[in-house]
């Protein structure tokens, strides 16, 4: 097992080269990885001294040993050892006592809801079993990055707007501008957030992407009635490009954007 430091990017951006089947697990407190072998277990929960990956260290509703990532039958799965359910993509819940839930190759975000509605994120990445050795591209022209640049303010407003998508809720919709402004006002009351101000920030981002050639972000393309389509398409682009990732939800607990 390998343990990494606390300063690490989201697993949604990829993992280092690893043996196929290797699992990576990451929280805001740290990251660990483990190669595949039946019977191996990677523990996560609140008690840092007794687990491989600490989750919800400052939240007493999270169990000291909340769950286990276990390799059995040639694949990784997650078993709930705690009192709270673990939420998988599609809002599927795994409770204590349930059969372990299988994990797919690639990226998966798991959530445990703690006290005061806090959402604790455990990122998982299972290295693909059909991975092949990378081909050298040392002399090729550099490919432009797919991640869109955002200011901290823009990212925070967009995370508030897209939080249901980032939490992988079933049938997510963007928050209303009123709800977005209310949440931002609680984070930074001195900035006097209003629905129109939040909408203006998001519109500026959307128009930058329109100018860069991203389709589906104008009223002319969508046609009336537009409804939430512009925001849904914008959020989709930001998620698929990994510009917004589940760990960004931590911004909604921040008290300063400086």
Protein backbone atom coordinates (compact mmCIF):
# COMPACT_ATOMS: atom_id res chain seq x y z
CA UNK A 1 0.00 0.00 0.00
CA UNK A 2 1.18 3.53 -0.80
CA UNK A 3 0.19 6.59 1.25
CA UNK A 4 0.36 10.06 -0.32
CA UNK A 5 0.55 13.53 1.22
CA UNK A 6 -2.43 15.80 1.83
CA UNK A 7 -1.75 18.11 -1.13
CA UNK A 8 -3.10 16.14 -4.06
CA UNK A 9 -5.37 16.78 -7.05
CA UNK A 10 -8.71 15.10 -7.64
CA UNK A 11 -8.57 11.51 -8.85
CA UNK A 12 -10.95 12.63 -11.58
CA UNK A 13 -7.85 14.05 -13.29
CA UNK A 14 -6.25 10.60 -13.44
CA UNK A 15 -3.75 8.53 -11.45
CA UNK A 16 -0.07 7.64 -11.83
CA UNK A 17 0.86 4.58 -13.90
CA UNK A 18 -0.11 1.49 -11.91
CA UNK A 19 -0.69 -2.25 -12.20
CA UNK A 20 -4.14 -2.90 -13.70
CA UNK A 21 -6.64 -3.40 -10.89
CA UNK A 22 -4.80 -1.13 -8.46
CA UNK A 23 -7.23 0.93 -6.39
CA UNK A 24 -6.67 4.54 -5.34
CA UNK A 25 -8.74 6.14 -2.56
CA UNK A 26 -8.67 9.84 -1.73
CA UNK A 27 -10.28 12.30 0.72
CA UNK A 28 -9.47 15.85 1.78
CA UNK A 29 -7.22 14.30 4.45
CA UNK A 30 -5.03 12.11 2.26
CA UNK A 31 -4.76 9.37 -0.33
CA UNK A 32 -3.79 5.69 -0.41
CA UNK A 33 -3.46 3.02 -3.06
CA UNK A 34 -3.31 -0.76 -3.04
CA UNK A 35 -2.52 -3.30 -5.79
CA UNK A 36 -5.07 -6.04 -6.49
CA UNK A 37 -5.04 -9.32 -4.62
CA UNK A 38 -8.01 -11.23 -3.27
CA UNK A 39 -8.48 -10.64 0.43
CA UNK A 40 -6.81 -7.24 0.52
CA UNK A 41 -8.70 -4.51 2.33
CA UNK A 42 -8.40 -0.73 2.43
CA UNK A 43 -10.23 0.84 5.39
CA UNK A 44 -11.74 4.33 5.59
CA UNK A 45 -13.45 6.24 8.40
CA UNK A 46 -13.14 8.92 11.08
CA UNK A 47 -10.40 7.40 13.26
CA UNK A 48 -7.17 8.28 11.47
CA UNK A 49 -5.10 5.82 13.54
CA UNK A 50 -7.16 2.78 12.56
CA UNK A 51 -7.84 3.33 8.85
CA UNK A 52 -5.88 3.77 5.65
CA UNK A 53 -7.86 6.82 4.49
CA UNK A 54 -9.37 9.27 6.98
CA UNK A 55 -12.91 10.45 6.17
CA UNK A 56 -14.90 13.02 8.19
CA UNK A 57 -12.30 13.34 10.92
CA UNK A 58 -14.12 16.27 12.54
CA UNK A 59 -17.65 14.86 12.23
CA UNK A 60 -18.87 12.53 15.00
CA UNK A 61 -21.71 11.19 12.85
CA UNK A 62 -19.16 9.48 10.61
CA UNK A 63 -18.20 6.07 12.00
CA UNK A 64 -14.64 5.50 13.15
CA UNK A 65 -14.53 2.66 10.62
CA UNK A 66 -17.12 3.75 8.06
CA UNK A 67 -16.33 1.29 5.32
CA UNK A 68 -13.92 -1.10 3.64
CA UNK A 69 -12.73 -1.41 0.07
CA UNK A 70 -12.18 -5.13 -0.36
CA UNK A 71 -10.76 -7.13 -3.27
CA UNK A 72 -12.62 -10.38 -3.83
CA UNK A 73 -13.41 -12.48 -6.86
CA UNK A 74 -10.91 -10.54 -8.91
CA UNK A 75 -12.58 -7.15 -8.38
CA UNK A 76 -12.86 -4.33 -5.86
CA UNK A 77 -16.06 -3.57 -3.98
CA UNK A 78 -17.14 -1.33 -1.10
CA UNK A 79 -18.62 -2.65 2.14
CA UNK A 80 -20.37 -0.37 4.63
CA UNK A 81 -19.18 -0.92 8.21
CA UNK A 82 -20.83 2.16 9.71
CA UNK A 83 -24.23 3.45 10.81
CA UNK A 84 -24.77 5.90 7.93
CA UNK A 85 -25.40 4.78 4.33
CA UNK A 86 -22.74 5.28 1.66
CA UNK A 87 -24.11 6.88 -1.51
CA UNK A 88 -22.87 5.59 -4.86
CA UNK A 89 -23.46 7.14 -8.32
CA UNK A 90 -27.11 7.28 -9.27
CA UNK A 91 -28.05 7.84 -5.61
CA UNK A 92 -27.75 4.12 -4.83
CA UNK A 93 -27.34 3.64 -1.06
CA UNK A 94 -25.26 0.91 0.57
CA UNK A 95 -26.17 0.27 4.22
CA UNK A 96 -24.35 -1.59 6.95
CA UNK A 97 -25.11 -5.27 6.56
CA UNK A 98 -25.69 -5.02 2.80
CA UNK A 99 -23.70 -7.11 0.38
CA UNK A 100 -20.55 -5.31 -0.81
CA UNK A 101 -21.22 -3.14 -3.86
CA UNK A 102 -18.90 -3.70 -6.86
CA UNK A 103 -16.78 -0.83 -8.15
CA UNK A 104 -16.19 -0.24 -11.85
CA UNK A 105 -12.84 0.52 -13.43
CA UNK A 106 -12.06 4.22 -13.58
CA UNK A 107 -13.38 7.03 -11.39
CA UNK A 108 -16.15 6.74 -8.78
CA UNK A 109 -17.22 9.29 -6.17
CA UNK A 110 -18.77 8.01 -2.92
CA UNK A 111 -20.52 10.25 -0.37
CA UNK A 112 -21.48 9.93 3.29
CA UNK A 113 -23.84 12.58 4.68
CA UNK A 114 -22.73 13.67 8.14
CA UNK A 115 -23.90 16.26 10.63
CA UNK A 116 -25.65 19.46 9.51
CA UNK A 117 -26.06 18.08 6.01
CA UNK A 118 -22.30 17.91 5.36
CA UNK A 119 -21.32 15.65 2.46
CA UNK A 120 -18.05 13.76 2.99
CA UNK A 121 -16.44 12.64 -0.27
CA UNK A 122 -14.38 9.52 -0.88
CA UNK A 123 -12.91 9.43 -4.38
CA UNK A 124 -12.09 6.03 -5.86
CA UNK A 125 -10.12 5.17 -8.99
CA UNK A 126 -9.54 1.59 -10.15
CA UNK A 127 -6.82 1.27 -12.77
CA UNK A 128 -8.25 -0.32 -15.93
CA UNK A 129 -7.62 -4.01 -16.41
CA UNK A 130 -7.21 -3.57 -20.17
CA UNK A 131 -4.61 -0.85 -19.82
CA UNK A 132 -1.72 -0.93 -22.23
CA UNK A 133 1.70 0.63 -21.98
CA UNK A 134 1.61 4.32 -22.96
CA UNK A 135 3.01 5.26 -26.36
CA UNK A 136 5.78 7.87 -26.38
CA UNK A 137 4.53 11.21 -27.72
CA UNK A 138 7.66 13.16 -26.89
CA UNK A 139 7.95 14.82 -30.31
CA UNK A 140 4.24 15.48 -30.85
CA UNK A 141 2.66 18.94 -30.72
CA UNK A 142 1.36 19.71 -27.24
CA UNK A 143 -2.40 19.23 -26.96
CA UNK A 144 -4.24 22.15 -25.34
CA UNK A 145 -5.56 21.38 -21.86
CA UNK A 146 -9.21 20.38 -21.67
CA UNK A 147 -9.83 22.04 -18.30
CA UNK A 148 -11.35 25.53 -18.47
CA UNK A 149 -9.75 28.27 -16.41
CA UNK A 150 -11.99 29.69 -13.66
CA UNK A 151 -11.41 32.28 -10.97
CA UNK A 152 -12.08 31.17 -7.41
CA UNK A 153 -15.23 33.32 -7.40
CA UNK A 154 -16.48 31.77 -10.64
CA UNK A 155 -15.72 28.26 -9.42
CA UNK A 156 -17.56 28.84 -6.14
CA UNK A 157 -20.67 30.24 -7.85
CA UNK A 158 -20.67 27.36 -10.35
CA UNK A 159 -20.23 24.76 -7.60
CA UNK A 160 -23.23 26.25 -5.79
CA UNK A 161 -25.23 26.10 -9.02
CA UNK A 162 -24.08 22.55 -9.90
CA UNK A 163 -23.87 20.98 -6.44
CA UNK A 164 -26.61 18.40 -7.08
CA UNK A 165 -24.65 17.17 -10.12
CA UNK A 166 -21.40 17.05 -8.15
CA UNK A 167 -23.13 15.04 -5.41
CA UNK A 168 -24.34 12.62 -8.09
CA UNK A 169 -27.96 12.89 -7.05
CA UNK A 170 -30.57 11.16 -9.15
CA UNK A 171 -32.09 13.41 -11.85
CA UNK A 172 -30.13 16.52 -10.78
CA UNK A 173 -31.14 20.06 -11.72
CA UNK A 174 -29.24 23.34 -11.22
CA UNK A 175 -30.13 25.29 -8.11
CA UNK A 176 -32.32 28.32 -8.67
CA UNK A 177 -30.55 31.69 -8.75
CA UNK A 178 -32.32 32.60 -5.51
CA UNK A 179 -30.96 29.49 -3.75
CA UNK A 180 -27.49 30.09 -5.17
CA UNK A 181 -27.50 33.69 -3.93
CA UNK A 182 -28.74 32.66 -0.49
CA UNK A 183 -25.95 30.10 -0.14
CA UNK A 184 -23.28 32.53 -1.33
CA UNK A 185 -24.61 35.20 1.02
CA UNK A 186 -24.07 32.86 3.96
CA UNK A 187 -20.48 32.24 2.85
CA UNK A 188 -19.62 35.89 2.16
CA UNK A 189 -22.35 38.19 3.57
CA UNK A 190 -20.27 41.33 3.01
CA UNK A 191 -20.40 40.79 -0.78
CA UNK A 192 -24.18 41.37 -0.87
CA UNK A 193 -24.97 38.49 -3.19
CA UNK A 194 -28.20 38.67 -5.16
CA UNK A 195 -29.68 36.30 -7.77
CA UNK A 196 -28.77 38.62 -10.66
CA UNK A 197 -25.18 38.93 -9.46
CA UNK A 198 -24.73 35.15 -9.36
CA UNK A 199 -26.39 34.82 -12.78
CA UNK A 200 -24.03 37.45 -14.22
CA UNK A 201 -20.95 35.51 -13.05
CA UNK A 202 -22.21 32.30 -14.67
CA UNK A 203 -23.25 34.09 -17.88
CA UNK A 204 -19.72 35.48 -18.26
CA UNK A 205 -18.28 31.95 -18.00
CA UNK A 206 -20.84 30.58 -20.45
CA UNK A 207 -20.06 33.27 -23.02
CA UNK A 208 -16.32 32.59 -22.75
CA UNK A 209 -17.02 28.96 -23.62
CA UNK A 210 -19.31 30.05 -26.48
CA UNK A 211 -16.46 32.18 -27.87
CA UNK A 212 -14.18 29.12 -27.60
CA UNK A 213 -16.57 27.11 -29.76
CA UNK A 214 -18.44 25.00 -27.18
CA UNK A 215 -21.88 24.15 -28.67
CA UNK A 216 -25.27 24.17 -26.98
CA UNK A 217 -24.73 27.25 -24.81
CA UNK A 218 -26.84 29.88 -26.59
CA UNK A 219 -30.58 30.52 -26.78
CA UNK A 220 -30.41 30.46 -30.57
CA UNK A 221 -29.07 26.88 -30.52
CA UNK A 222 -31.50 25.61 -27.89
CA UNK A 223 -34.68 27.41 -29.00
CA UNK A 224 -37.56 28.45 -26.79
CA UNK A 225 -38.53 27.58 -24.16
CA UNK A 226 -34.98 27.47 -22.83
CA UNK A 227 -35.76 26.62 -19.21
CA UNK A 228 -32.69 25.24 -17.44
CA UNK A 229 -31.08 23.96 -20.64
CA UNK A 230 -28.31 26.55 -20.85
CA UNK A 231 -27.17 25.88 -17.29
CA UNK A 232 -27.52 22.11 -17.70
CA UNK A 233 -25.38 22.16 -20.85
CA UNK A 234 -22.81 24.44 -19.21
CA UNK A 235 -22.58 22.18 -16.16
CA UNK A 236 -22.26 19.17 -18.44
CA UNK A 237 -19.29 20.71 -20.25
CA UNK A 238 -17.59 21.65 -16.97
CA UNK A 239 -18.11 18.14 -15.58
CA UNK A 240 -17.02 16.26 -18.70
CA UNK A 241 -13.88 18.38 -18.99
CA UNK A 242 -13.18 17.77 -15.25
CA UNK A 243 -13.16 21.53 -14.73
CA UNK A 244 -15.60 20.93 -11.86
CA UNK A 245 -14.97 17.84 -9.73
CA UNK A 246 -16.62 16.55 -6.53
CA UNK A 247 -13.85 17.84 -4.21
CA UNK A 248 -14.86 21.38 -5.29
CA UNK A 249 -17.87 20.99 -2.97
CA UNK A 250 -15.46 21.94 -0.17
CA UNK A 251 -15.69 25.52 -1.47
CA UNK A 252 -19.22 25.72 -0.10
CA UNK A 253 -17.76 25.37 3.39
CA UNK A 254 -15.06 28.02 2.82
CA UNK A 255 -15.14 31.37 4.55
CA UNK A 256 -12.73 33.25 2.32
CA UNK A 257 -11.97 33.28 -1.40
CA UNK A 258 -8.67 35.11 -1.04
